[in-house]
Amino acid sequence: MNLEHALRALEGLGLTMLVVPKAHAPLLEQAAAHAAKVSGQAAREDHTHMEEGDSQYF
């Protein structure tokens, strides 16, 4: 598989590839983990503000 095929496959899955210097990878991984944590907390806070008896389906 060449790079062009790989990029098309990623695009078809709604993904992208980010190429960065190896030294920067840990910083970006930490930032991604933090963003996921903050996003999860926000989603939980939104869920706790629902009225009693309301249900939410995913």
N, C-alpha and C. Protein backbone atom coordinates (compact mmCIF):
# COMPACT_ATOMS: atom_id res chain seq x y z
N MET A 1 0.86 -1.17 0.00
CA MET A 1 0.00 0.00 0.00
C MET A 1 0.91 1.24 0.00
N ASN A 2 0.63 2.15 -0.89
CA ASN A 2 1.43 3.36 -0.90
C ASN A 2 0.76 4.45 -0.05
N LEU A 3 1.45 5.53 0.14
CA LEU A 3 0.95 6.59 1.00
C LEU A 3 -0.38 7.15 0.51
N GLU A 4 -0.53 7.29 -0.79
CA GLU A 4 -1.77 7.84 -1.34
C GLU A 4 -2.97 6.95 -0.98
N HIS A 5 -2.79 5.64 -1.09
CA HIS A 5 -3.87 4.72 -0.72
C HIS A 5 -4.17 4.81 0.77
N ALA A 6 -3.13 4.90 1.57
CA ALA A 6 -3.32 5.00 3.02
C ALA A 6 -4.08 6.27 3.38
N LEU A 7 -3.73 7.37 2.75
CA LEU A 7 -4.41 8.64 3.04
C LEU A 7 -5.88 8.58 2.61
N ARG A 8 -6.15 7.95 1.47
CA ARG A 8 -7.55 7.81 1.02
C ARG A 8 -8.34 6.92 1.97
N ALA A 9 -7.70 5.85 2.45
CA ALA A 9 -8.37 4.96 3.41
C ALA A 9 -8.69 5.71 4.70
N LEU A 10 -7.74 6.49 5.19
CA LEU A 10 -7.98 7.28 6.40
C LEU A 10 -9.11 8.28 6.18
N GLU A 11 -9.09 8.94 5.04
CA GLU A 11 -10.13 9.93 4.73
C GLU A 11 -11.50 9.26 4.69
N GLY A 12 -11.56 8.08 4.11
CA GLY A 12 -12.82 7.34 4.06
C GLY A 12 -13.36 6.99 5.43
N LEU A 13 -12.48 6.86 6.39
CA LEU A 13 -12.87 6.56 7.77
C LEU A 13 -13.10 7.82 8.60
N GLY A 14 -12.93 8.98 7.97
CA GLY A 14 -13.09 10.24 8.69
C GLY A 14 -11.91 10.57 9.57
N LEU A 15 -10.74 10.04 9.20
CA LEU A 15 -9.53 10.26 9.98
C LEU A 15 -8.51 11.04 9.17
N THR A 16 -7.49 11.52 9.84
CA THR A 16 -6.40 12.21 9.18
C THR A 16 -5.09 11.76 9.82
N MET A 17 -4.00 12.03 9.16
CA MET A 17 -2.69 11.68 9.69
C MET A 17 -1.93 12.97 9.97
N LEU A 18 -1.33 13.03 11.13
CA LEU A 18 -0.54 14.18 11.51
C LEU A 18 0.90 13.71 11.69
N VAL A 19 1.80 14.29 10.94
CA VAL A 19 3.21 13.91 11.00
C VAL A 19 3.97 15.04 11.69
N VAL A 20 4.61 14.68 12.80
CA VAL A 20 5.34 15.67 13.60
C VAL A 20 6.70 15.10 13.97
N PRO A 21 7.62 15.96 14.35
CA PRO A 21 8.91 15.45 14.83
C PRO A 21 8.69 14.53 16.05
N LYS A 22 9.47 13.48 16.11
CA LYS A 22 9.34 12.50 17.19
C LYS A 22 9.42 13.15 18.57
N ALA A 23 10.25 14.16 18.70
CA ALA A 23 10.41 14.83 19.99
C ALA A 23 9.13 15.53 20.44
N HIS A 24 8.26 15.90 19.50
CA HIS A 24 7.03 16.61 19.84
C HIS A 24 5.87 15.67 20.14
N ALA A 25 6.01 14.40 19.81
CA ALA A 25 4.91 13.44 19.96
C ALA A 25 4.39 13.36 21.40
N PRO A 26 5.24 13.26 22.42
CA PRO A 26 4.70 13.18 23.79
C PRO A 26 3.86 14.40 24.18
N LEU A 27 4.27 15.58 23.75
CA LEU A 27 3.50 16.78 24.06
C LEU A 27 2.13 16.73 23.40
N LEU A 28 2.08 16.30 22.14
CA LEU A 28 0.80 16.21 21.44
C LEU A 28 -0.08 15.12 22.03
N GLU A 29 0.52 14.02 22.47
CA GLU A 29 -0.26 12.96 23.11
C GLU A 29 -0.87 13.46 24.42
N GLN A 30 -0.10 14.23 25.18
CA GLN A 30 -0.61 14.80 26.43
C GLN A 30 -1.75 15.77 26.14
N ALA A 31 -1.60 16.59 25.12
CA ALA A 31 -2.64 17.56 24.76
C ALA A 31 -3.91 16.83 24.33
N ALA A 32 -3.77 15.76 23.56
CA ALA A 32 -4.93 14.99 23.12
C ALA A 32 -5.63 14.32 24.30
N ALA A 33 -4.85 13.78 25.23
CA ALA A 33 -5.43 13.15 26.41
C ALA A 33 -6.18 14.19 27.25
N HIS A 34 -5.61 15.37 27.39
CA HIS A 34 -6.26 16.43 28.15
C HIS A 34 -7.56 16.85 27.47
N ALA A 35 -7.53 17.01 26.15
CA ALA A 35 -8.73 17.41 25.41
C ALA A 35 -9.83 16.36 25.56
N ALA A 36 -9.46 15.08 25.51
CA ALA A 36 -10.45 14.01 25.67
C ALA A 36 -11.04 14.03 27.07
N LYS A 37 -10.20 14.28 28.07
CA LYS A 37 -10.67 14.34 29.45
C LYS A 37 -11.64 15.50 29.64
N VAL A 38 -11.28 16.67 29.14
CA VAL A 38 -12.13 17.85 29.26
C VAL A 38 -13.45 17.63 28.52
N SER A 39 -13.38 17.04 27.35
CA SER A 39 -14.58 16.76 26.58
C SER A 39 -15.49 15.78 27.32
N GLY A 40 -14.91 14.76 27.92
CA GLY A 40 -15.69 13.80 28.69
C GLY A 40 -16.34 14.43 29.90
N GLN A 41 -15.62 15.31 30.57
CA GLN A 41 -16.18 16.00 31.73
C GLN A 41 -17.34 16.89 31.31
N ALA A 42 -17.20 17.59 30.19
CA ALA A 42 -18.27 18.46 29.71
C ALA A 42 -19.50 17.64 29.35
N ALA A 43 -19.29 16.48 28.74
CA ALA A 43 -20.41 15.62 28.37
C ALA A 43 -21.13 15.13 29.62
N ARG A 44 -20.38 14.77 30.65
CA ARG A 44 -21.01 14.31 31.90
C ARG A 44 -21.77 15.45 32.57
N GLU A 45 -21.21 16.66 32.53
CA GLU A 45 -21.90 17.80 33.13
C GLU A 45 -23.20 18.09 32.38
N ASP A 46 -23.18 18.01 31.06
CA ASP A 46 -24.40 18.21 30.28
C ASP A 46 -25.44 17.16 30.65
N HIS A 47 -25.00 15.94 30.86
CA HIS A 47 -25.92 14.85 31.18
C HIS A 47 -26.54 15.05 32.56
N THR A 48 -25.80 15.62 33.50
CA THR A 48 -26.32 15.80 34.85
C THR A 48 -27.33 16.94 34.92
N HIS A 49 -27.37 17.80 33.91
CA HIS A 49 -28.32 18.91 33.91
C HIS A 49 -29.66 18.53 33.31
N MET A 50 -29.83 17.27 32.93
CA MET A 50 -31.09 16.84 32.35
C MET A 50 -32.16 16.80 33.43
N GLU A 51 -33.39 17.04 33.03
CA GLU A 51 -34.50 16.98 33.96
C GLU A 51 -34.73 15.53 34.39
N GLU A 52 -35.22 15.35 35.60
CA GLU A 52 -35.51 13.99 36.07
C GLU A 52 -36.59 13.39 35.19
N GLY A 53 -36.42 12.15 34.82
CA GLY A 53 -37.38 11.49 33.95
C GLY A 53 -37.00 11.57 32.48
N ASP A 54 -36.13 12.51 32.12
CA ASP A 54 -35.66 12.58 30.74
C ASP A 54 -34.67 11.45 30.51
N SER A 55 -34.62 10.96 29.32
CA SER A 55 -33.63 9.94 28.99
C SER A 55 -32.89 10.39 27.75
N GLN A 56 -31.70 9.89 27.63
CA GLN A 56 -30.85 10.26 26.49
C GLN A 56 -30.32 8.98 25.88
N TYR A 57 -30.47 8.85 24.58
CA TYR A 57 -29.99 7.67 23.88
C TYR A 57 -28.82 8.04 23.00
N PHE A 58 -27.82 7.18 22.98
CA PHE A 58 -26.63 7.40 22.17
C PHE A 58 -26.64 6.47 21.01
